[in-house]
N, C-alpha and C. Protein backbone atom coordinates (compact mmCIF):
# COMPACT_ATOMS: atom_id res chain seq x y z
N UNK A 1 -178.83 64.04 -200.53
CA UNK A 1 -177.44 64.30 -200.86
C UNK A 1 -176.55 63.42 -199.98
N UNK A 2 -175.59 62.74 -200.60
CA UNK A 2 -174.66 61.91 -199.87
C UNK A 2 -173.56 62.78 -199.28
N UNK A 3 -173.34 62.62 -197.98
CA UNK A 3 -172.30 63.38 -197.31
C UNK A 3 -171.22 62.43 -196.82
N UNK A 4 -170.00 62.94 -196.72
CA UNK A 4 -168.92 62.14 -196.16
C UNK A 4 -169.07 62.13 -194.64
N UNK A 5 -168.94 60.96 -194.05
CA UNK A 5 -169.11 60.85 -192.60
C UNK A 5 -167.76 60.71 -191.91
N UNK A 6 -167.79 61.00 -190.61
CA UNK A 6 -166.59 60.94 -189.79
C UNK A 6 -166.83 59.90 -188.70
N UNK A 7 -165.93 58.94 -188.59
CA UNK A 7 -166.08 57.84 -187.64
C UNK A 7 -164.96 57.94 -186.59
N UNK A 8 -165.32 58.13 -185.30
CA UNK A 8 -164.28 58.28 -184.27
C UNK A 8 -163.44 57.03 -184.04
N UNK A 9 -163.91 55.86 -184.49
CA UNK A 9 -163.09 54.66 -184.33
C UNK A 9 -161.93 54.66 -185.33
N UNK A 10 -162.08 55.42 -186.42
CA UNK A 10 -161.02 55.52 -187.42
C UNK A 10 -160.28 56.86 -187.34
N UNK A 11 -161.00 57.90 -186.99
CA UNK A 11 -160.44 59.25 -186.93
C UNK A 11 -160.84 59.89 -185.59
N UNK A 12 -160.21 59.45 -184.50
CA UNK A 12 -160.66 59.90 -183.18
C UNK A 12 -160.32 61.35 -182.84
N UNK A 13 -159.30 61.90 -183.51
CA UNK A 13 -158.89 63.27 -183.22
C UNK A 13 -159.43 64.23 -184.26
N UNK A 14 -160.05 65.28 -183.78
CA UNK A 14 -160.64 66.30 -184.65
C UNK A 14 -160.02 67.64 -184.31
N UNK A 15 -159.39 68.26 -185.29
CA UNK A 15 -158.79 69.57 -185.06
C UNK A 15 -159.90 70.62 -185.08
N UNK A 16 -159.94 71.45 -184.05
CA UNK A 16 -160.89 72.55 -184.01
C UNK A 16 -160.13 73.80 -184.44
N UNK A 17 -160.50 74.32 -185.59
CA UNK A 17 -159.74 75.39 -186.23
C UNK A 17 -160.08 76.74 -185.60
N UNK A 18 -159.65 76.92 -184.35
CA UNK A 18 -159.90 78.17 -183.67
C UNK A 18 -158.78 78.47 -182.69
N UNK A 19 -158.60 79.77 -182.43
CA UNK A 19 -157.72 80.24 -181.36
C UNK A 19 -158.55 80.92 -180.28
N UNK A 20 -159.88 80.78 -180.37
CA UNK A 20 -160.81 81.41 -179.44
C UNK A 20 -161.20 80.39 -178.37
N UNK A 21 -160.79 80.59 -177.12
CA UNK A 21 -161.07 79.58 -176.08
C UNK A 21 -162.56 79.38 -175.81
N UNK A 22 -163.37 80.43 -175.98
CA UNK A 22 -164.80 80.28 -175.77
C UNK A 22 -165.43 79.36 -176.80
N UNK A 23 -165.07 79.56 -178.06
CA UNK A 23 -165.58 78.68 -179.12
C UNK A 23 -165.10 77.24 -178.90
N UNK A 24 -163.82 77.11 -178.53
CA UNK A 24 -163.26 75.77 -178.32
C UNK A 24 -164.05 75.02 -177.26
N UNK A 25 -164.36 75.67 -176.13
CA UNK A 25 -165.11 75.01 -175.06
C UNK A 25 -166.47 74.54 -175.55
N UNK A 26 -167.17 75.40 -176.31
CA UNK A 26 -168.50 75.02 -176.78
C UNK A 26 -168.44 73.85 -177.76
N UNK A 27 -167.47 73.89 -178.67
CA UNK A 27 -167.38 72.83 -179.68
C UNK A 27 -166.91 71.52 -179.05
N UNK A 28 -165.97 71.60 -178.10
CA UNK A 28 -165.53 70.39 -177.39
C UNK A 28 -166.71 69.70 -176.72
N UNK A 29 -167.59 70.49 -176.11
CA UNK A 29 -168.76 69.91 -175.43
C UNK A 29 -169.70 69.25 -176.42
N UNK A 30 -169.76 69.76 -177.65
CA UNK A 30 -170.65 69.18 -178.66
C UNK A 30 -170.10 67.88 -179.25
N UNK A 31 -168.78 67.81 -179.44
CA UNK A 31 -168.22 66.62 -180.11
C UNK A 31 -167.88 65.49 -179.14
N UNK A 32 -167.67 65.82 -177.86
CA UNK A 32 -167.24 64.79 -176.90
C UNK A 32 -168.19 63.61 -176.82
N UNK A 33 -169.52 63.80 -176.80
CA UNK A 33 -170.41 62.65 -176.72
C UNK A 33 -170.31 61.70 -177.91
N UNK A 34 -169.70 62.16 -179.01
CA UNK A 34 -169.55 61.32 -180.19
C UNK A 34 -168.21 60.57 -180.20
N UNK A 35 -167.40 60.75 -179.15
CA UNK A 35 -166.16 60.00 -179.04
C UNK A 35 -164.95 60.66 -179.66
N UNK A 36 -165.04 61.94 -179.99
CA UNK A 36 -163.91 62.64 -180.58
C UNK A 36 -163.10 63.39 -179.53
N UNK A 37 -161.79 63.43 -179.73
CA UNK A 37 -160.90 64.24 -178.92
C UNK A 37 -160.56 65.50 -179.69
N UNK A 38 -160.72 66.65 -179.06
CA UNK A 38 -160.47 67.92 -179.73
C UNK A 38 -159.02 68.33 -179.61
N UNK A 39 -158.45 68.79 -180.73
CA UNK A 39 -157.13 69.40 -180.76
C UNK A 39 -157.31 70.79 -181.34
N UNK A 40 -157.00 71.82 -180.59
CA UNK A 40 -157.22 73.16 -181.12
C UNK A 40 -156.07 73.59 -182.03
N UNK A 41 -156.40 74.41 -183.02
CA UNK A 41 -155.37 74.94 -183.92
C UNK A 41 -154.36 75.75 -183.12
N UNK A 42 -154.83 76.44 -182.08
CA UNK A 42 -153.92 77.22 -181.26
C UNK A 42 -152.91 76.35 -180.53
N UNK A 43 -153.39 75.25 -179.93
CA UNK A 43 -152.50 74.35 -179.20
C UNK A 43 -151.50 73.67 -180.13
N UNK A 44 -151.89 73.45 -181.37
CA UNK A 44 -151.00 72.82 -182.35
C UNK A 44 -150.02 73.81 -182.97
N UNK A 45 -150.19 75.10 -182.63
CA UNK A 45 -149.31 76.13 -183.18
C UNK A 45 -149.58 76.45 -184.63
N UNK A 46 -150.80 76.16 -185.09
CA UNK A 46 -151.14 76.46 -186.49
C UNK A 46 -151.44 77.95 -186.64
N UNK A 47 -150.97 78.57 -187.70
CA UNK A 47 -151.24 80.00 -187.89
C UNK A 47 -152.71 80.24 -188.23
N UNK A 48 -153.16 81.44 -187.96
CA UNK A 48 -154.52 81.83 -188.33
C UNK A 48 -154.50 82.29 -189.78
N UNK A 49 -155.26 81.65 -190.67
CA UNK A 49 -155.25 82.06 -192.07
C UNK A 49 -155.95 83.40 -192.27
N UNK A 50 -155.69 84.03 -193.38
CA UNK A 50 -156.38 85.27 -193.73
C UNK A 50 -157.81 84.92 -194.12
N UNK A 51 -158.76 85.51 -193.42
CA UNK A 51 -160.17 85.24 -193.68
C UNK A 51 -160.69 86.31 -194.64
N UNK A 52 -160.54 86.05 -195.93
CA UNK A 52 -160.93 87.05 -196.92
C UNK A 52 -162.18 86.63 -197.69
N UNK A 53 -162.97 85.72 -197.11
CA UNK A 53 -164.24 85.35 -197.73
C UNK A 53 -165.27 86.45 -197.57
N UNK A 54 -166.36 86.33 -198.30
CA UNK A 54 -167.42 87.34 -198.23
C UNK A 54 -168.65 86.82 -197.50
N UNK A 55 -168.61 85.56 -197.06
CA UNK A 55 -169.71 84.98 -196.31
C UNK A 55 -169.15 84.18 -195.14
N UNK A 56 -170.02 83.84 -194.17
CA UNK A 56 -169.60 83.02 -193.05
C UNK A 56 -169.11 81.66 -193.54
N UNK A 57 -169.81 81.06 -194.50
CA UNK A 57 -169.40 79.74 -195.02
C UNK A 57 -168.02 79.82 -195.66
N UNK A 58 -167.78 80.84 -196.45
CA UNK A 58 -166.47 80.95 -197.11
C UNK A 58 -165.35 81.05 -196.09
N UNK A 59 -165.55 81.83 -195.05
CA UNK A 59 -164.50 81.96 -194.03
C UNK A 59 -164.33 80.70 -193.21
N UNK A 60 -165.43 80.00 -192.92
CA UNK A 60 -165.32 78.72 -192.21
C UNK A 60 -164.52 77.72 -193.05
N UNK A 61 -164.75 77.72 -194.35
CA UNK A 61 -164.01 76.80 -195.24
C UNK A 61 -162.52 77.12 -195.24
N UNK A 62 -162.19 78.41 -195.30
CA UNK A 62 -160.79 78.82 -195.31
C UNK A 62 -160.08 78.27 -194.07
N UNK A 63 -160.71 78.43 -192.91
CA UNK A 63 -160.09 78.00 -191.66
C UNK A 63 -160.02 76.48 -191.55
N UNK A 64 -161.10 75.80 -191.92
CA UNK A 64 -161.12 74.34 -191.81
C UNK A 64 -160.10 73.70 -192.74
N UNK A 65 -160.03 74.17 -193.97
CA UNK A 65 -159.08 73.60 -194.93
C UNK A 65 -157.64 73.85 -194.50
N UNK A 66 -157.37 75.06 -194.01
CA UNK A 66 -156.01 75.38 -193.57
C UNK A 66 -155.57 74.45 -192.45
N UNK A 67 -156.46 74.21 -191.47
CA UNK A 67 -156.10 73.34 -190.34
C UNK A 67 -156.00 71.89 -190.76
N UNK A 68 -156.91 71.43 -191.62
CA UNK A 68 -156.88 70.03 -192.05
C UNK A 68 -155.62 69.73 -192.85
N UNK A 69 -155.25 70.63 -193.75
CA UNK A 69 -154.09 70.38 -194.60
C UNK A 69 -152.78 70.55 -193.83
N UNK A 70 -152.76 71.46 -192.83
CA UNK A 70 -151.54 71.65 -192.04
C UNK A 70 -151.33 70.52 -191.04
N UNK A 71 -152.43 69.96 -190.52
CA UNK A 71 -152.32 68.93 -189.48
C UNK A 71 -152.37 67.51 -190.02
N UNK A 72 -152.95 67.34 -191.22
CA UNK A 72 -153.14 66.00 -191.77
C UNK A 72 -154.29 65.26 -191.13
N UNK A 73 -155.16 65.99 -190.42
CA UNK A 73 -156.31 65.39 -189.75
C UNK A 73 -157.58 66.14 -190.15
N UNK A 74 -158.76 65.50 -190.00
CA UNK A 74 -160.00 66.23 -190.23
C UNK A 74 -160.08 67.44 -189.30
N UNK A 75 -160.66 68.52 -189.78
CA UNK A 75 -160.75 69.75 -188.99
C UNK A 75 -162.14 70.34 -189.08
N UNK A 76 -162.58 70.91 -187.98
CA UNK A 76 -163.88 71.56 -187.91
C UNK A 76 -163.66 73.04 -187.60
N UNK A 77 -164.23 73.90 -188.44
CA UNK A 77 -164.10 75.34 -188.23
C UNK A 77 -165.48 75.97 -188.08
N UNK A 78 -165.50 76.98 -187.25
CA UNK A 78 -166.70 77.76 -187.00
C UNK A 78 -166.41 79.19 -187.45
N UNK A 79 -167.31 79.78 -188.22
CA UNK A 79 -167.25 81.22 -188.44
C UNK A 79 -168.61 81.76 -188.07
N UNK A 80 -168.62 82.66 -187.13
CA UNK A 80 -169.90 83.11 -186.61
C UNK A 80 -169.85 84.59 -186.28
N UNK A 81 -171.02 85.17 -186.13
CA UNK A 81 -171.07 86.58 -185.79
C UNK A 81 -172.50 87.03 -185.63
N UNK A 82 -172.62 88.30 -185.29
CA UNK A 82 -173.93 88.89 -185.07
C UNK A 82 -174.24 89.88 -186.19
N UNK A 83 -175.47 89.87 -186.64
CA UNK A 83 -175.93 90.79 -187.68
C UNK A 83 -177.08 91.62 -187.11
N UNK A 84 -176.92 92.92 -187.14
CA UNK A 84 -177.91 93.84 -186.56
C UNK A 84 -178.71 94.48 -187.69
N UNK A 85 -180.02 94.31 -187.65
CA UNK A 85 -180.86 94.79 -188.74
C UNK A 85 -180.67 96.28 -189.01
N UNK A 86 -180.68 97.10 -187.96
CA UNK A 86 -180.59 98.55 -188.13
C UNK A 86 -179.22 98.99 -188.62
N UNK A 87 -178.22 98.10 -188.55
CA UNK A 87 -176.88 98.40 -189.06
C UNK A 87 -176.66 97.71 -190.41
N UNK A 88 -177.76 97.37 -191.07
CA UNK A 88 -177.71 96.73 -192.39
C UNK A 88 -176.89 95.43 -192.35
N UNK A 89 -177.02 94.69 -191.25
CA UNK A 89 -176.36 93.41 -191.14
C UNK A 89 -174.97 93.45 -190.52
N UNK A 90 -174.47 94.63 -190.23
CA UNK A 90 -173.15 94.74 -189.57
C UNK A 90 -173.30 94.36 -188.08
N UNK A 91 -172.23 93.91 -187.45
CA UNK A 91 -170.89 93.69 -188.01
C UNK A 91 -170.76 92.44 -188.87
N UNK A 92 -171.69 91.49 -188.79
CA UNK A 92 -171.68 90.34 -189.69
C UNK A 92 -170.37 89.59 -189.67
N UNK A 93 -169.81 89.36 -190.86
CA UNK A 93 -168.57 88.58 -190.94
C UNK A 93 -167.38 89.31 -190.32
N UNK A 94 -167.57 90.59 -189.99
CA UNK A 94 -166.50 91.36 -189.35
C UNK A 94 -166.68 91.43 -187.83
N UNK A 95 -167.53 90.56 -187.27
CA UNK A 95 -167.83 90.61 -185.84
C UNK A 95 -166.57 90.54 -184.98
N UNK A 96 -165.66 89.62 -185.29
CA UNK A 96 -164.44 89.50 -184.50
C UNK A 96 -163.52 90.70 -184.73
N UNK A 97 -163.52 91.23 -185.95
CA UNK A 97 -162.62 92.35 -186.24
C UNK A 97 -163.05 93.62 -185.51
N UNK A 98 -164.35 93.75 -185.21
CA UNK A 98 -164.79 94.91 -184.44
C UNK A 98 -164.20 94.88 -183.03
N UNK A 99 -163.75 93.72 -182.59
CA UNK A 99 -163.13 93.60 -181.26
C UNK A 99 -161.64 93.94 -181.28
N UNK A 100 -161.09 94.19 -182.47
CA UNK A 100 -159.70 94.58 -182.59
C UNK A 100 -158.72 93.44 -182.38
N UNK A 101 -157.45 93.76 -182.49
CA UNK A 101 -156.40 92.74 -182.37
C UNK A 101 -156.38 92.12 -180.98
N UNK A 102 -156.80 92.90 -179.98
CA UNK A 102 -156.82 92.39 -178.61
C UNK A 102 -158.06 91.60 -178.27
N UNK A 103 -158.95 91.37 -179.24
CA UNK A 103 -160.20 90.62 -179.03
C UNK A 103 -161.00 91.21 -177.86
N UNK A 104 -161.10 92.54 -177.85
CA UNK A 104 -161.82 93.25 -176.79
C UNK A 104 -163.29 93.39 -177.19
N UNK A 105 -164.10 92.40 -176.76
CA UNK A 105 -165.51 92.44 -177.15
C UNK A 105 -166.30 93.47 -176.36
N UNK A 106 -165.75 93.95 -175.25
CA UNK A 106 -166.37 95.08 -174.58
C UNK A 106 -166.36 96.29 -175.49
N UNK A 107 -165.25 96.49 -176.17
CA UNK A 107 -165.12 97.59 -177.14
C UNK A 107 -166.07 97.38 -178.31
N UNK A 108 -166.16 96.13 -178.79
CA UNK A 108 -167.04 95.83 -179.92
C UNK A 108 -168.50 96.08 -179.55
N UNK A 109 -168.90 95.68 -178.35
CA UNK A 109 -170.27 95.90 -177.89
C UNK A 109 -170.57 97.39 -177.79
N UNK A 110 -169.60 98.16 -177.30
CA UNK A 110 -169.79 99.61 -177.20
C UNK A 110 -169.94 100.22 -178.59
N UNK A 111 -169.20 99.70 -179.56
CA UNK A 111 -169.33 100.22 -180.93
C UNK A 111 -170.73 99.93 -181.49
N UNK A 112 -171.25 98.71 -181.24
CA UNK A 112 -172.61 98.40 -181.68
C UNK A 112 -173.59 99.38 -181.05
N UNK A 113 -173.45 99.61 -179.75
CA UNK A 113 -174.35 100.51 -179.04
C UNK A 113 -174.27 101.92 -179.60
N UNK A 114 -173.05 102.39 -179.84
CA UNK A 114 -172.86 103.75 -180.35
C UNK A 114 -173.44 103.91 -181.75
N UNK A 115 -173.18 102.94 -182.62
CA UNK A 115 -173.67 103.05 -184.00
C UNK A 115 -175.18 102.96 -184.06
N UNK A 116 -175.77 102.17 -183.17
CA UNK A 116 -177.23 102.13 -183.09
C UNK A 116 -177.78 103.48 -182.62
N UNK A 117 -177.14 104.06 -181.61
CA UNK A 117 -177.60 105.35 -181.08
C UNK A 117 -177.56 106.44 -182.15
N UNK A 118 -176.54 106.43 -182.98
CA UNK A 118 -176.46 107.40 -184.07
C UNK A 118 -177.67 107.30 -185.01
N UNK A 119 -178.23 106.11 -185.09
CA UNK A 119 -179.37 105.88 -185.98
C UNK A 119 -180.71 105.91 -185.24
N UNK A 120 -180.67 106.25 -183.97
CA UNK A 120 -181.90 106.35 -183.19
C UNK A 120 -182.42 105.02 -182.68
N UNK A 121 -181.54 104.04 -182.56
CA UNK A 121 -181.94 102.71 -182.08
C UNK A 121 -181.15 102.36 -180.82
N UNK A 122 -181.59 101.31 -180.14
CA UNK A 122 -180.88 100.86 -178.95
C UNK A 122 -181.50 99.60 -178.41
N UNK A 123 -181.97 99.65 -177.17
CA UNK A 123 -182.61 98.51 -176.52
C UNK A 123 -183.72 97.94 -177.40
N UNK A 124 -183.70 96.62 -177.59
CA UNK A 124 -184.74 95.96 -178.37
C UNK A 124 -184.49 95.91 -179.86
N UNK A 125 -183.35 96.42 -180.32
CA UNK A 125 -183.05 96.36 -181.76
C UNK A 125 -182.96 94.91 -182.22
N UNK A 126 -183.54 94.62 -183.37
CA UNK A 126 -183.55 93.25 -183.90
C UNK A 126 -182.16 92.86 -184.40
N UNK A 127 -181.79 91.61 -184.12
CA UNK A 127 -180.49 91.09 -184.55
C UNK A 127 -180.58 89.58 -184.67
N UNK A 128 -179.61 88.99 -185.30
CA UNK A 128 -179.53 87.53 -185.33
C UNK A 128 -178.06 87.10 -185.33
N UNK A 129 -177.83 85.94 -184.71
CA UNK A 129 -176.54 85.31 -184.73
C UNK A 129 -176.52 84.28 -185.86
N UNK A 130 -175.38 84.18 -186.53
CA UNK A 130 -175.18 83.18 -187.59
C UNK A 130 -173.95 82.36 -187.23
N UNK A 131 -174.03 81.06 -187.45
CA UNK A 131 -172.87 80.19 -187.28
C UNK A 131 -172.74 79.29 -188.50
N UNK A 132 -171.60 79.37 -189.16
CA UNK A 132 -171.28 78.44 -190.24
C UNK A 132 -170.26 77.45 -189.72
N UNK A 133 -170.50 76.17 -189.94
CA UNK A 133 -169.55 75.12 -189.58
C UNK A 133 -169.10 74.41 -190.85
N UNK A 134 -167.81 74.25 -190.97
CA UNK A 134 -167.26 73.47 -192.08
C UNK A 134 -166.39 72.36 -191.51
N UNK A 135 -166.66 71.16 -191.96
CA UNK A 135 -165.85 70.00 -191.64
C UNK A 135 -165.02 69.70 -192.88
N UNK A 136 -163.69 69.71 -192.72
CA UNK A 136 -162.80 69.52 -193.86
C UNK A 136 -161.83 68.37 -193.62
N UNK A 137 -161.44 67.74 -194.72
CA UNK A 137 -160.45 66.65 -194.68
C UNK A 137 -159.17 67.10 -195.37
N UNK A 138 -158.04 66.47 -195.07
CA UNK A 138 -156.78 66.89 -195.70
C UNK A 138 -156.78 66.83 -197.23
N UNK A 139 -157.66 65.99 -197.81
CA UNK A 139 -157.70 65.92 -199.27
C UNK A 139 -158.50 67.05 -199.90
N UNK A 140 -159.03 67.97 -199.08
CA UNK A 140 -159.75 69.12 -199.61
C UNK A 140 -161.25 69.00 -199.61
N UNK A 141 -161.79 67.83 -199.25
CA UNK A 141 -163.24 67.67 -199.21
C UNK A 141 -163.82 68.46 -198.03
N UNK A 142 -164.96 69.13 -198.26
CA UNK A 142 -165.61 69.93 -197.22
C UNK A 142 -167.10 69.63 -197.15
N UNK A 143 -167.64 69.71 -195.96
CA UNK A 143 -169.08 69.68 -195.73
C UNK A 143 -169.44 70.93 -194.94
N UNK A 144 -170.47 71.67 -195.39
CA UNK A 144 -170.82 72.96 -194.80
C UNK A 144 -172.23 72.94 -194.21
N UNK A 145 -172.39 73.68 -193.11
CA UNK A 145 -173.69 73.79 -192.43
C UNK A 145 -173.81 75.21 -191.86
N UNK A 146 -175.05 75.70 -191.77
CA UNK A 146 -175.26 77.05 -191.24
C UNK A 146 -176.48 77.10 -190.34
N UNK A 147 -176.32 77.69 -189.16
CA UNK A 147 -177.41 77.84 -188.21
C UNK A 147 -177.64 79.30 -187.88
N UNK A 148 -178.89 79.64 -187.56
CA UNK A 148 -179.27 81.03 -187.26
C UNK A 148 -180.18 81.04 -186.04
N UNK A 149 -180.00 82.04 -185.18
CA UNK A 149 -180.95 82.27 -184.09
C UNK A 149 -181.26 83.77 -184.08
N UNK A 150 -182.55 84.10 -183.96
CA UNK A 150 -182.98 85.49 -183.99
C UNK A 150 -183.31 85.99 -182.59
N UNK A 151 -183.16 87.29 -182.39
CA UNK A 151 -183.44 87.86 -181.09
C UNK A 151 -183.35 89.37 -181.12
N UNK A 152 -183.13 89.96 -179.96
CA UNK A 152 -183.03 91.41 -179.83
C UNK A 152 -181.81 91.75 -178.97
N UNK A 153 -181.41 93.02 -179.04
CA UNK A 153 -180.24 93.47 -178.30
C UNK A 153 -180.65 94.10 -176.97
N UNK A 154 -179.84 93.85 -175.98
CA UNK A 154 -180.08 94.31 -174.62
C UNK A 154 -178.90 95.17 -174.16
N UNK A 155 -179.20 96.36 -173.65
CA UNK A 155 -178.16 97.24 -173.11
C UNK A 155 -178.58 97.73 -171.73
N UNK A 156 -177.65 97.81 -170.78
CA UNK A 156 -176.25 97.41 -170.88
C UNK A 156 -176.10 95.89 -170.94
N UNK A 157 -174.89 95.44 -171.27
CA UNK A 157 -174.61 94.01 -171.35
C UNK A 157 -174.90 93.34 -170.02
N UNK A 158 -175.40 92.09 -170.11
CA UNK A 158 -175.74 91.34 -168.89
C UNK A 158 -175.17 89.93 -168.95
N UNK A 159 -174.50 89.53 -167.86
CA UNK A 159 -174.04 88.15 -167.73
C UNK A 159 -172.59 87.96 -168.14
N UNK A 160 -171.97 86.95 -167.53
CA UNK A 160 -170.56 86.65 -167.79
C UNK A 160 -170.34 85.19 -168.19
N UNK A 161 -171.41 84.48 -168.55
CA UNK A 161 -171.26 83.05 -168.84
C UNK A 161 -170.91 82.79 -170.30
N UNK A 162 -171.23 83.70 -171.18
CA UNK A 162 -170.95 83.49 -172.59
C UNK A 162 -169.65 84.17 -172.99
N UNK A 163 -169.53 84.49 -174.27
CA UNK A 163 -168.37 85.19 -174.78
C UNK A 163 -168.80 86.02 -175.98
N UNK A 164 -167.91 86.86 -176.47
CA UNK A 164 -168.25 87.68 -177.63
C UNK A 164 -169.41 88.62 -177.35
N UNK A 165 -170.41 88.57 -178.23
CA UNK A 165 -171.57 89.45 -178.11
C UNK A 165 -172.70 88.83 -177.28
N UNK A 166 -172.46 87.68 -176.69
CA UNK A 166 -173.50 86.98 -175.92
C UNK A 166 -174.19 87.86 -174.88
N UNK A 167 -173.45 88.73 -174.15
CA UNK A 167 -174.11 89.48 -173.08
C UNK A 167 -175.11 90.53 -173.54
N UNK A 168 -175.17 90.83 -174.84
CA UNK A 168 -176.18 91.80 -175.31
C UNK A 168 -177.26 91.15 -176.17
N UNK A 169 -177.21 89.84 -176.33
CA UNK A 169 -178.17 89.17 -177.21
C UNK A 169 -179.18 88.36 -176.41
N UNK A 170 -180.45 88.70 -176.57
CA UNK A 170 -181.54 87.95 -175.95
C UNK A 170 -182.32 87.24 -177.05
N UNK A 171 -182.25 85.90 -177.11
CA UNK A 171 -182.95 85.18 -178.18
C UNK A 171 -184.46 85.31 -178.04
N UNK A 172 -185.14 85.28 -179.17
CA UNK A 172 -186.60 85.35 -179.17
C UNK A 172 -187.18 84.28 -178.25
N UNK A 173 -188.17 84.65 -177.47
CA UNK A 173 -188.83 83.71 -176.58
C UNK A 173 -188.17 83.55 -175.23
N UNK A 174 -187.06 84.27 -175.01
CA UNK A 174 -186.34 84.17 -173.74
C UNK A 174 -186.23 85.55 -173.12
N UNK A 175 -185.93 85.60 -171.82
CA UNK A 175 -185.79 86.88 -171.12
C UNK A 175 -184.36 87.13 -170.68
N UNK A 176 -183.51 86.14 -170.77
CA UNK A 176 -182.11 86.29 -170.39
C UNK A 176 -181.22 86.33 -171.62
N UNK A 177 -180.09 87.02 -171.48
CA UNK A 177 -179.13 87.04 -172.58
C UNK A 177 -178.34 85.74 -172.61
N UNK A 178 -177.63 85.53 -173.72
CA UNK A 178 -176.75 84.36 -173.80
C UNK A 178 -175.58 84.46 -172.82
N UNK A 179 -175.35 85.64 -172.27
CA UNK A 179 -174.34 85.79 -171.24
C UNK A 179 -174.81 85.35 -169.87
N UNK A 180 -176.13 85.16 -169.72
CA UNK A 180 -176.70 84.81 -168.43
C UNK A 180 -177.14 83.35 -168.31
N UNK A 181 -177.51 82.73 -169.43
CA UNK A 181 -178.11 81.41 -169.32
C UNK A 181 -177.07 80.31 -169.16
N UNK A 182 -177.54 79.16 -168.71
CA UNK A 182 -176.69 78.00 -168.55
C UNK A 182 -176.12 77.58 -169.90
N UNK A 183 -174.83 77.20 -169.96
CA UNK A 183 -174.22 76.82 -171.24
C UNK A 183 -174.98 75.70 -171.96
N UNK A 184 -175.55 74.74 -171.21
CA UNK A 184 -176.29 73.67 -171.86
C UNK A 184 -177.54 74.23 -172.54
N UNK A 185 -178.22 75.15 -171.86
CA UNK A 185 -179.41 75.75 -172.46
C UNK A 185 -179.04 76.55 -173.70
N UNK A 186 -177.90 77.21 -173.64
CA UNK A 186 -177.45 77.94 -174.82
C UNK A 186 -177.21 76.98 -175.98
N UNK A 187 -176.55 75.86 -175.71
CA UNK A 187 -176.25 74.89 -176.77
C UNK A 187 -177.51 74.38 -177.44
N UNK A 188 -178.57 74.25 -176.67
CA UNK A 188 -179.84 73.75 -177.21
C UNK A 188 -180.47 74.77 -178.14
N UNK A 189 -180.34 76.05 -177.83
CA UNK A 189 -181.08 77.08 -178.57
C UNK A 189 -180.24 77.89 -179.54
N UNK A 190 -178.92 77.77 -179.48
CA UNK A 190 -178.06 78.71 -180.19
C UNK A 190 -177.87 78.40 -181.67
N UNK A 191 -177.31 79.39 -182.36
CA UNK A 191 -176.94 79.26 -183.77
C UNK A 191 -175.90 78.15 -183.95
N UNK A 192 -174.96 78.06 -182.99
CA UNK A 192 -173.93 77.00 -183.08
C UNK A 192 -174.57 75.63 -182.86
N UNK A 193 -175.50 75.55 -181.92
CA UNK A 193 -176.20 74.30 -181.69
C UNK A 193 -177.00 73.88 -182.90
N UNK A 194 -177.65 74.85 -183.56
CA UNK A 194 -178.44 74.58 -184.77
C UNK A 194 -177.55 74.02 -185.86
N UNK A 195 -176.42 74.70 -186.11
CA UNK A 195 -175.51 74.23 -187.15
C UNK A 195 -174.93 72.86 -186.80
N UNK A 196 -174.61 72.64 -185.52
CA UNK A 196 -174.02 71.36 -185.14
C UNK A 196 -175.01 70.21 -185.29
N UNK A 197 -176.28 70.45 -184.98
CA UNK A 197 -177.27 69.38 -185.16
C UNK A 197 -177.36 68.98 -186.63
N UNK A 198 -177.23 69.93 -187.53
CA UNK A 198 -177.23 69.60 -188.95
C UNK A 198 -175.99 68.77 -189.32
N UNK A 199 -174.83 69.19 -188.79
CA UNK A 199 -173.60 68.44 -189.04
C UNK A 199 -173.70 67.03 -188.45
N UNK A 200 -174.25 66.96 -187.25
CA UNK A 200 -174.41 65.68 -186.55
C UNK A 200 -175.24 64.71 -187.39
N UNK A 201 -176.35 65.21 -187.93
CA UNK A 201 -177.22 64.36 -188.73
C UNK A 201 -176.58 63.95 -190.05
N UNK A 202 -175.75 64.85 -190.60
CA UNK A 202 -175.20 64.58 -191.92
C UNK A 202 -173.87 63.87 -191.94
N UNK A 203 -173.02 64.09 -190.92
CA UNK A 203 -171.64 63.64 -191.04
C UNK A 203 -171.08 62.79 -189.91
N UNK A 204 -171.70 62.81 -188.75
CA UNK A 204 -171.11 62.05 -187.67
C UNK A 204 -171.60 60.61 -187.70
N UNK A 205 -170.68 59.70 -187.57
CA UNK A 205 -170.98 58.27 -187.70
C UNK A 205 -171.96 57.87 -186.61
N UNK A 206 -173.04 57.12 -186.98
CA UNK A 206 -174.02 56.72 -185.97
C UNK A 206 -173.41 55.89 -184.84
């Protein structure tokens, strides 16, 4: 399949369609080696669009297109979240909404713990992180990618290096949560890293 590529010599600025500083830091670290300068939607004063999609890809597209068309520049959006098997995939695409308007992920983590306990589950419950990345251009063209990492839940939360649900997620084959490990190691193993490697292979100019 032929994909549209992005060349930093022609389009050096890439809008990152997020108001989440944790996501921005991770994505900036991924694109910097390719010669792109990140401009966040928050710093540009772009509004957050209504995310009314039913999948991670649909919501990533909504955000990427809104930022690309408002800024007149290519935009990269991430929509990601955690899906817990015993909760039938919840919170899933509603992962950020479980944190409320104040983005209180401590509250969201407590809700996951409580809802698992109601069902007789807790430590070691199976879960996976999903990350959808959409690269969009002002003319409406989009390229989509999706990465997944599987693991188990750890309670109480451990570590302060990650963000969101990272402190309760231990990826398969590891003993530390994403809240404890080095950010570079997380990038190598994470759902966002998986999706970005696909985008890198498909769309970033060699």
